[in-house]
Protein backbone atom coordinates (compact mmCIF):
# COMPACT_ATOMS: atom_id res chain seq x y z
CA MET A 1 1.20 11.35 3.90
CA TRP A 2 3.83 14.09 4.13
CA SER A 3 6.68 11.59 4.04
CA HIS A 4 5.49 10.48 0.59
CA LEU A 5 4.66 13.99 -0.63
CA GLY A 6 8.00 15.26 0.66
CA ALA A 7 9.77 12.67 -1.45
CA ILE A 8 7.84 13.78 -4.54
CA LEU A 9 8.68 17.43 -3.84
CA ALA A 10 12.36 16.60 -3.31
CA ASN A 11 12.36 14.76 -6.65
CA VAL A 12 10.81 17.72 -8.45
CA LEU A 13 13.26 20.13 -6.82
CA GLY A 14 16.06 17.74 -7.73
CA TYR A 15 15.20 17.96 -11.40
CA ILE A 16 15.17 21.75 -11.15
CA THR A 17 18.32 22.23 -9.07
CA GLY A 18 20.18 19.01 -9.79
CA ILE A 19 21.07 18.53 -6.14
CA THR A 20 18.16 17.66 -3.88
CA TRP A 21 17.13 14.43 -5.62
CA VAL A 22 19.70 12.74 -3.39
CA LEU A 23 17.66 13.82 -0.35
CA THR A 24 14.34 12.18 -1.26
CA TRP A 25 14.68 9.87 1.76
CA LEU A 26 15.02 12.81 4.19
CA PRO A 27 11.28 13.58 4.77
CA GLY A 28 10.67 9.98 5.86
CA PHE A 29 13.67 10.12 8.17
CA ILE A 30 12.54 13.37 9.79
CA ILE A 31 8.94 12.22 10.29
CA ARG A 32 10.08 8.82 11.57
CA GLY A 33 12.16 10.49 14.27
CA SER A 34 9.54 13.05 15.24
CA ALA A 35 8.33 12.86 18.82
CA SER A 36 4.76 13.74 17.82
CA ALA A 37 4.50 11.06 15.10
CA THR A 38 2.03 8.22 15.65
CA ASP A 39 2.81 4.57 14.91
CA PHE A 40 0.90 4.92 11.63
CA ASP A 41 3.04 7.92 10.67
CA ARG A 42 6.23 6.06 11.55
CA ARG A 43 5.24 3.01 9.49
CA HIS A 44 4.52 5.16 6.44
CA ALA A 45 7.68 7.21 6.97
CA THR A 46 9.77 4.04 7.21
CA GLU A 47 8.20 2.65 4.03
CA SER A 48 8.83 5.93 2.20
CA MET A 49 12.41 6.20 3.42
CA ASN A 50 13.23 2.59 2.47
CA PHE A 51 11.72 2.96 -0.99
CA GLN A 52 13.48 6.25 -1.69
CA LEU A 53 16.81 4.74 -0.57
CA THR A 54 16.14 1.81 -2.92
CA MET A 55 15.55 4.25 -5.78
CA LEU A 56 18.74 6.14 -4.89
CA LEU A 57 20.79 2.93 -4.80
CA THR A 58 19.38 1.93 -8.20
CA ALA A 59 20.38 5.29 -9.70
CA VAL A 60 23.88 5.13 -8.20
CA ALA A 61 24.38 1.54 -9.38
CA GLY A 62 23.20 2.45 -12.89
CA THR A 63 25.52 5.44 -13.02
CA LEU A 64 28.49 3.38 -11.85
CA LEU A 65 27.71 0.70 -14.41
CA GLY A 66 27.53 3.32 -17.14
CA VAL A 67 30.89 4.79 -16.15
CA LEU A 68 32.54 1.37 -15.82
CA THR A 69 31.45 0.43 -19.34
CA LEU A 70 33.11 3.59 -20.67
CA PHE A 71 29.74 5.32 -21.08
CA ILE A 72 28.46 2.76 -23.61
CA GLY A 73 26.21 1.26 -20.93
CA PHE A 74 24.34 4.55 -20.65
CA LEU A 75 22.59 3.69 -23.94
CA VAL A 76 20.67 1.03 -22.01
CA ILE A 77 20.83 2.45 -18.49
CA VAL A 78 19.37 5.92 -19.14
CA PRO A 79 16.08 4.64 -20.64
CA ALA A 80 15.85 2.03 -17.87
CA LEU A 81 16.38 4.65 -15.17
CA ILE A 82 13.72 6.89 -16.73
CA ILE A 83 11.23 4.02 -16.63
CA ILE A 84 12.22 3.20 -13.04
CA GLN A 85 11.70 6.84 -12.03
CA ILE A 86 8.23 6.91 -13.60
CA VAL A 87 7.25 3.66 -11.88
CA GLY A 88 8.64 5.01 -8.61
CA LEU A 89 6.56 8.16 -8.97
CA VAL A 90 3.42 6.08 -9.52
CA PHE A 91 4.15 3.97 -6.41
CA THR A 92 4.79 7.10 -4.35
CA MET A 93 1.52 8.65 -5.51
CA GLN A 94 -0.32 5.43 -4.58
CA ALA A 95 1.29 5.52 -1.14
CA THR A 96 0.28 9.17 -0.69
CA VAL A 97 -3.35 8.40 -1.51
CA ALA A 98 -3.33 5.38 0.82
CA ALA A 99 -1.86 7.44 3.67
CA SER A 100 -4.39 10.24 3.17
CA ASN A 101 -7.17 7.61 3.42
CA LEU A 102 -5.55 6.22 6.61
CA LYS A 103 -4.73 2.89 4.94
CA GLU A 104 -1.52 0.91 5.17
CA TYR A 105 0.67 0.75 2.06
CA ARG A 106 3.71 -1.41 1.30
CA TYR A 107 5.86 -0.50 -1.68
CA PRO A 108 6.06 -3.46 -4.07
CA ILE A 109 9.79 -2.87 -4.64
CA SER A 110 12.05 -2.12 -1.70
CA ILE A 111 15.46 -3.52 -0.86
CA LEU A 112 15.44 -2.45 2.77
CA SER A 113 12.44 -3.68 4.73
């Protein structure tokens, strides 16, 4: 559960500081490598880490596309990235609830699996 909640907290701190949103995958990485983590914890941490890396790659690709189109592409990319972030937050909240109920959860969208 903390791998999902940690990603949400890193996102919130990222909007406040402008820096830590890049580290949303870090809680999953730390929990996955923990010696005291169970297999259930590792599965959820891996899912969280993969999804957050997918979201990060999407944001980086959108930013690069916007820059390569001489900032005209941002007219389409910024609203799309906002929608993607909202959907990502909903998926992360669903994963948090599933983990707190000791249920498995697979993110519907994840490049790395």
